[in-house]
Amino acid sequence: MTVKEQQEWKIPPCISNWKNAKGYTIPLDKRLAADGRGLQTVHINENFAKLAEALYIADRK
């Protein structure tokens, strides 16, 4: 491989969601996959669920 070919195949390092000095465009699905949020299980506090339901009922009245 020539140096030019190596440079063409160079993959940039992982890009932070906070800093992107070089302006790379990263697809949203790639950002979410790298983030790891999809691996967490969601647990909603029972009191929050009650509050949300009460607000929803009050809003409908």
PDB file of N, CA and C in Angstrom:
ATOM      1  N   MET A   1       0.832  -1.182   0.000  1.00  0.00           N
ATOM      2  CA  MET A   1       0.000   0.000   0.000  1.00  0.00           C
ATOM      3  C   MET A   1       0.875   1.243   0.000  1.00  0.00           C
ATOM      4  N   THR A   2       0.440   2.202  -0.752  1.00  0.00           N
ATOM      5  CA  THR A   2       1.166   3.468  -0.760  1.00  0.00           C
ATOM      6  C   THR A   2       0.691   4.333   0.407  1.00  0.00           C
ATOM      7  N   VAL A   3       1.424   5.394   0.665  1.00  0.00           N
ATOM      8  CA  VAL A   3       1.062   6.306   1.749  1.00  0.00           C
ATOM      9  C   VAL A   3      -0.294   6.944   1.451  1.00  0.00           C
ATOM     10  N   LYS A   4      -0.528   7.280   0.196  1.00  0.00           N
ATOM     11  CA  LYS A   4      -1.799   7.909  -0.183  1.00  0.00           C
ATOM     12  C   LYS A   4      -2.964   6.960   0.092  1.00  0.00           C
ATOM     13  N   GLU A   5      -2.804   5.692  -0.251  1.00  0.00           N
ATOM     14  CA  GLU A   5      -3.863   4.708   0.001  1.00  0.00           C
ATOM     15  C   GLU A   5      -4.112   4.545   1.499  1.00  0.00           C
ATOM     16  N   GLN A   6      -3.041   4.553   2.285  1.00  0.00           N
ATOM     17  CA  GLN A   6      -3.200   4.447   3.735  1.00  0.00           C
ATOM     18  C   GLN A   6      -3.975   5.631   4.286  1.00  0.00           C
ATOM     19  N   GLN A   7      -3.696   6.830   3.780  1.00  0.00           N
ATOM     20  CA  GLN A   7      -4.405   8.019   4.241  1.00  0.00           C
ATOM     21  C   GLN A   7      -5.875   7.980   3.836  1.00  0.00           C
ATOM     22  N   GLU A   8      -6.176   7.418   2.674  1.00  0.00           N
ATOM     23  CA  GLU A   8      -7.563   7.320   2.223  1.00  0.00           C
ATOM     24  C   GLU A   8      -8.362   6.348   3.087  1.00  0.00           C
ATOM     25  N   TRP A   9      -7.690   5.347   3.634  1.00  0.00           N
ATOM     26  CA  TRP A   9      -8.370   4.346   4.455  1.00  0.00           C
ATOM     27  C   TRP A   9      -8.353   4.694   5.938  1.00  0.00           C
ATOM     28  N   LYS A  10      -7.748   5.808   6.302  1.00  0.00           N
ATOM     29  CA  LYS A  10      -7.661   6.192   7.710  1.00  0.00           C
ATOM     30  C   LYS A  10      -9.055   6.538   8.235  1.00  0.00           C
ATOM     31  N   ILE A  11      -9.434   5.909   9.328  1.00  0.00           N
ATOM     32  CA  ILE A  11     -10.737   6.144   9.951  1.00  0.00           C
ATOM     33  C   ILE A  11     -10.518   7.075  11.137  1.00  0.00           C
ATOM     34  N   PRO A  12     -11.295   8.159  11.211  1.00  0.00           N
ATOM     35  CA  PRO A  12     -11.110   9.084  12.332  1.00  0.00           C
ATOM     36  C   PRO A  12     -11.493   8.434  13.649  1.00  0.00           C
ATOM     37  N   PRO A  13     -10.917   8.897  14.755  1.00  0.00           N
ATOM     38  CA  PRO A  13     -11.263   8.334  16.063  1.00  0.00           C
ATOM     39  C   PRO A  13     -12.706   8.647  16.434  1.00  0.00           C
ATOM     40  N   CYS A  14     -13.176   7.992  17.464  1.00  0.00           N
ATOM     41  CA  CYS A  14     -14.544   8.205  17.935  1.00  0.00           C
ATOM     42  C   CYS A  14     -14.753   9.682  18.250  1.00  0.00           C
ATOM     43  N   ILE A  15     -15.906  10.194  17.868  1.00  0.00           N
ATOM     44  CA  ILE A  15     -16.184  11.620  18.014  1.00  0.00           C
ATOM     45  C   ILE A  15     -17.081  11.845  19.218  1.00  0.00           C
ATOM     46  N   SER A  16     -16.707  12.788  20.031  1.00  0.00           N
ATOM     47  CA  SER A  16     -17.492  13.124  21.212  1.00  0.00           C
ATOM     48  C   SER A  16     -18.770  13.842  20.811  1.00  0.00           C
ATOM     49  N   ASN A  17     -19.834  13.633  21.579  1.00  0.00           N
ATOM     50  CA  ASN A  17     -21.070  14.376  21.351  1.00  0.00           C
ATOM     51  C   ASN A  17     -20.910  15.825  21.783  1.00  0.00           C
ATOM     52  N   TRP A  18     -19.903  16.104  22.607  1.00  0.00           N
ATOM     53  CA  TRP A  18     -19.721  17.450  23.132  1.00  0.00           C
ATOM     54  C   TRP A  18     -18.750  18.263  22.294  1.00  0.00           C
ATOM     55  N   LYS A  19     -17.684  17.628  21.800  1.00  0.00           N
ATOM     56  CA  LYS A  19     -16.678  18.353  21.027  1.00  0.00           C
ATOM     57  C   LYS A  19     -16.554  17.727  19.646  1.00  0.00           C
ATOM     58  N   ASN A  20     -16.564  18.557  18.627  1.00  0.00           N
ATOM     59  CA  ASN A  20     -16.406  18.092  17.260  1.00  0.00           C
ATOM     60  C   ASN A  20     -15.654  19.179  16.494  1.00  0.00           C
ATOM     61  N   ALA A  21     -14.387  19.358  16.830  1.00  0.00           N
ATOM     62  CA  ALA A  21     -13.588  20.449  16.279  1.00  0.00           C
ATOM     63  C   ALA A  21     -13.415  20.342  14.767  1.00  0.00           C
ATOM     64  N   LYS A  22     -13.360  19.120  14.242  1.00  0.00           N
ATOM     65  CA  LYS A  22     -13.137  18.953  12.806  1.00  0.00           C
ATOM     66  C   LYS A  22     -14.433  18.968  12.005  1.00  0.00           C
ATOM     67  N   GLY A  23     -15.577  19.021  12.679  1.00  0.00           N
ATOM     68  CA  GLY A  23     -16.852  19.139  11.983  1.00  0.00           C
ATOM     69  C   GLY A  23     -17.317  17.875  11.292  1.00  0.00           C
ATOM     70  N   TYR A  24     -16.909  16.715  11.786  1.00  0.00           N
ATOM     71  CA  TYR A  24     -17.364  15.464  11.177  1.00  0.00           C
ATOM     72  C   TYR A  24     -18.870  15.303  11.344  1.00  0.00           C
ATOM     73  N   THR A  25     -19.509  14.754  10.337  1.00  0.00           N
ATOM     74  CA  THR A  25     -20.935  14.467  10.417  1.00  0.00           C
ATOM     75  C   THR A  25     -21.088  13.008  10.817  1.00  0.00           C
ATOM     76  N   ILE A  26     -21.698  12.772  11.969  1.00  0.00           N
ATOM     77  CA  ILE A  26     -21.890  11.425  12.488  1.00  0.00           C
ATOM     78  C   ILE A  26     -23.386  11.133  12.481  1.00  0.00           C
ATOM     79  N   PRO A  27     -23.813  10.054  11.813  1.00  0.00           N
ATOM     80  CA  PRO A  27     -25.237   9.719  11.807  1.00  0.00           C
ATOM     81  C   PRO A  27     -25.756   9.478  13.226  1.00  0.00           C
ATOM     82  N   LEU A  28     -27.019   9.803  13.430  1.00  0.00           N
ATOM     83  CA  LEU A  28     -27.616   9.696  14.754  1.00  0.00           C
ATOM     84  C   LEU A  28     -27.578   8.266  15.279  1.00  0.00           C
ATOM     85  N   ASP A  29     -27.821   7.284  14.409  1.00  0.00           N
ATOM     86  CA  ASP A  29     -27.810   5.896  14.875  1.00  0.00           C
ATOM     87  C   ASP A  29     -26.428   5.483  15.371  1.00  0.00           C
ATOM     88  N   LYS A  30     -25.374   6.018  14.756  1.00  0.00           N
ATOM     89  CA  LYS A  30     -24.010   5.704  15.202  1.00  0.00           C
ATOM     90  C   LYS A  30     -23.719   6.367  16.548  1.00  0.00           C
ATOM     91  N   ARG A  31     -24.203   7.604  16.733  1.00  0.00           N
ATOM     92  CA  ARG A  31     -24.000   8.289  18.009  1.00  0.00           C
ATOM     93  C   ARG A  31     -24.703   7.544  19.138  1.00  0.00           C
ATOM     94  N   LEU A  32     -25.939   7.117  18.880  1.00  0.00           N
ATOM     95  CA  LEU A  32     -26.690   6.415  19.916  1.00  0.00           C
ATOM     96  C   LEU A  32     -26.082   5.053  20.220  1.00  0.00           C
ATOM     97  N   ALA A  33     -25.556   4.383  19.188  1.00  0.00           N
ATOM     98  CA  ALA A  33     -24.929   3.083  19.407  1.00  0.00           C
ATOM     99  C   ALA A  33     -23.664   3.231  20.252  1.00  0.00           C
ATOM    100  N   ALA A  34     -22.909   4.293  20.028  1.00  0.00           N
ATOM    101  CA  ALA A  34     -21.679   4.510  20.787  1.00  0.00           C
ATOM    102  C   ALA A  34     -21.971   5.018  22.193  1.00  0.00           C
ATOM    103  N   ASP A  35     -23.125   5.623  22.363  1.00  0.00           N
ATOM    104  CA  ASP A  35     -23.488   6.222  23.646  1.00  0.00           C
ATOM    105  C   ASP A  35     -23.741   5.168  24.722  1.00  0.00           C
ATOM    106  N   GLY A  36     -24.403   4.074  24.371  1.00  0.00           N
ATOM    107  CA  GLY A  36     -24.686   3.021  25.334  1.00  0.00           C
ATOM    108  C   GLY A  36     -26.000   3.184  26.071  1.00  0.00           C
ATOM    109  N   ARG A  37     -26.770   4.222  25.749  1.00  0.00           N
ATOM    110  CA  ARG A  37     -28.049   4.423  26.434  1.00  0.00           C
ATOM    111  C   ARG A  37     -29.044   3.314  26.131  1.00  0.00           C
ATOM    112  N   GLY A  38     -28.949   2.734  24.955  1.00  0.00           N
ATOM    113  CA  GLY A  38     -29.885   1.680  24.575  1.00  0.00           C
ATOM    114  C   GLY A  38     -29.686   0.398  25.363  1.00  0.00           C
ATOM    115  N   LEU A  39     -28.558   0.275  26.036  1.00  0.00           N
ATOM    116  CA  LEU A  39     -28.266  -0.935  26.799  1.00  0.00           C
ATOM    117  C   LEU A  39     -28.834  -0.889  28.214  1.00  0.00           C
ATOM    118  N   GLN A  40     -29.284   0.290  28.640  1.00  0.00           N
ATOM    119  CA  GLN A  40     -29.795   0.440  29.995  1.00  0.00           C
ATOM    120  C   GLN A  40     -31.275   0.091  30.041  1.00  0.00           C
ATOM    121  N   THR A  41     -31.693  -0.492  31.150  1.00  0.00           N
ATOM    122  CA  THR A  41     -33.120  -0.748  31.338  1.00  0.00           C
ATOM    123  C   THR A  41     -33.738   0.468  32.015  1.00  0.00           C
ATOM    124  N   VAL A  42     -34.935   0.803  31.588  1.00  0.00           N
ATOM    125  CA  VAL A  42     -35.613   1.986  32.114  1.00  0.00           C
ATOM    126  C   VAL A  42     -36.495   1.572  33.277  1.00  0.00           C
ATOM    127  N   HIS A  43     -36.350   2.261  34.394  1.00  0.00           N
ATOM    128  CA  HIS A  43     -37.179   2.003  35.562  1.00  0.00           C
ATOM    129  C   HIS A  43     -37.795   3.327  35.991  1.00  0.00           C
ATOM    130  N   ILE A  44     -39.128   3.399  35.964  1.00  0.00           N
ATOM    131  CA  ILE A  44     -39.832   4.617  36.352  1.00  0.00           C
ATOM    132  C   ILE A  44     -40.305   4.463  37.788  1.00  0.00           C
ATOM    133  N   ASN A  45     -39.977   5.440  38.596  1.00  0.00           N
ATOM    134  CA  ASN A  45     -40.389   5.451  39.993  1.00  0.00           C
ATOM    135  C   ASN A  45     -41.917   5.446  40.061  1.00  0.00           C
ATOM    136  N   GLU A  46     -42.472   4.669  40.983  1.00  0.00           N
ATOM    137  CA  GLU A  46     -43.925   4.552  41.114  1.00  0.00           C
ATOM    138  C   GLU A  46     -44.571   5.900  41.429  1.00  0.00           C
ATOM    139  N   ASN A  47     -43.916   6.703  42.268  1.00  0.00           N
ATOM    140  CA  ASN A  47     -44.457   8.021  42.612  1.00  0.00           C
ATOM    141  C   ASN A  47     -44.497   8.941  41.392  1.00  0.00           C
ATOM    142  N   PHE A  48     -43.501   8.844  40.538  1.00  0.00           N
ATOM    143  CA  PHE A  48     -43.501   9.651  39.321  1.00  0.00           C
ATOM    144  C   PHE A  48     -44.639   9.223  38.404  1.00  0.00           C
ATOM    145  N   ALA A  49     -44.875   7.927  38.314  1.00  0.00           N
ATOM    146  CA  ALA A  49     -45.975   7.428  37.489  1.00  0.00           C
ATOM    147  C   ALA A  49     -47.314   7.936  38.019  1.00  0.00           C
ATOM    148  N   LYS A  50     -47.471   7.948  39.340  1.00  0.00           N
ATOM    149  CA  LYS A  50     -48.713   8.463  39.938  1.00  0.00           C
ATOM    150  C   LYS A  50     -48.882   9.951  39.644  1.00  0.00           C
ATOM    151  N   LEU A  51     -47.805  10.712  39.774  1.00  0.00           N
ATOM    152  CA  LEU A  51     -47.852  12.141  39.495  1.00  0.00           C
ATOM    153  C   LEU A  51     -48.209  12.396  38.033  1.00  0.00           C
ATOM    154  N   ALA A  52     -47.575  11.675  37.131  1.00  0.00           N
ATOM    155  CA  ALA A  52     -47.850  11.853  35.713  1.00  0.00           C
ATOM    156  C   ALA A  52     -49.304  11.528  35.398  1.00  0.00           C
ATOM    157  N   GLU A  53     -49.825  10.469  36.002  1.00  0.00           N
ATOM    158  CA  GLU A  53     -51.221  10.097  35.776  1.00  0.00           C
ATOM    159  C   GLU A  53     -52.164  11.161  36.334  1.00  0.00           C
ATOM    160  N   ALA A  54     -51.868  11.687  37.526  1.00  0.00           N
ATOM    161  CA  ALA A  54     -52.705  12.728  38.122  1.00  0.00           C
ATOM    162  C   ALA A  54     -52.695  13.996  37.263  1.00  0.00           C
ATOM    163  N   LEU A  55     -51.537  14.364  36.747  1.00  0.00           N
ATOM    164  CA  LEU A  55     -51.458  15.536  35.876  1.00  0.00           C
ATOM    165  C   LEU A  55     -52.220  15.315  34.574  1.00  0.00           C
ATOM    166  N   TYR A  56     -52.137  14.117  34.042  1.00  0.00           N
ATOM    167  CA  TYR A  56     -52.852  13.793  32.810  1.00  0.00           C
ATOM    168  C   TYR A  56     -54.361  13.886  33.026  1.00  0.00           C
ATOM    169  N   ILE A  57     -54.848  13.340  34.149  1.00  0.00           N
ATOM    170  CA  ILE A  57     -56.288  13.383  34.458  1.00  0.00           C
ATOM    171  C   ILE A  57     -56.729  14.826  34.684  1.00  0.00           C
ATOM    172  N   ALA A  58     -55.932  15.603  35.412  1.00  0.00           N
ATOM    173  CA  ALA A  58     -56.276  17.006  35.666  1.00  0.00           C
ATOM    174  C   ALA A  58     -56.291  17.813  34.370  1.00  0.00           C
ATOM    175  N   ASP A  59     -55.415  17.485  33.460  1.00  0.00           N
ATOM    176  CA  ASP A  59     -55.350  18.199  32.185  1.00  0.00           C
ATOM    177  C   ASP A  59     -56.569  17.907  31.316  1.00  0.00           C
ATOM    178  N   ARG A  60     -57.083  16.700  31.414  1.00  0.00           N
ATOM    179  CA  ARG A  60     -58.243  16.312  30.603  1.00  0.00           C
ATOM    180  C   ARG A  60     -59.533  16.946  31.111  1.00  0.00           C
ATOM    181  N   LYS A  61     -59.577  17.368  32.398  1.00  0.00           N
ATOM    182  CA  LYS A  61     -60.808  17.941  32.975  1.00  0.00           C
ATOM    183  C   LYS A  61     -60.986  19.381  32.614  1.00  0.00           C
TER     184      LYS A  61
END
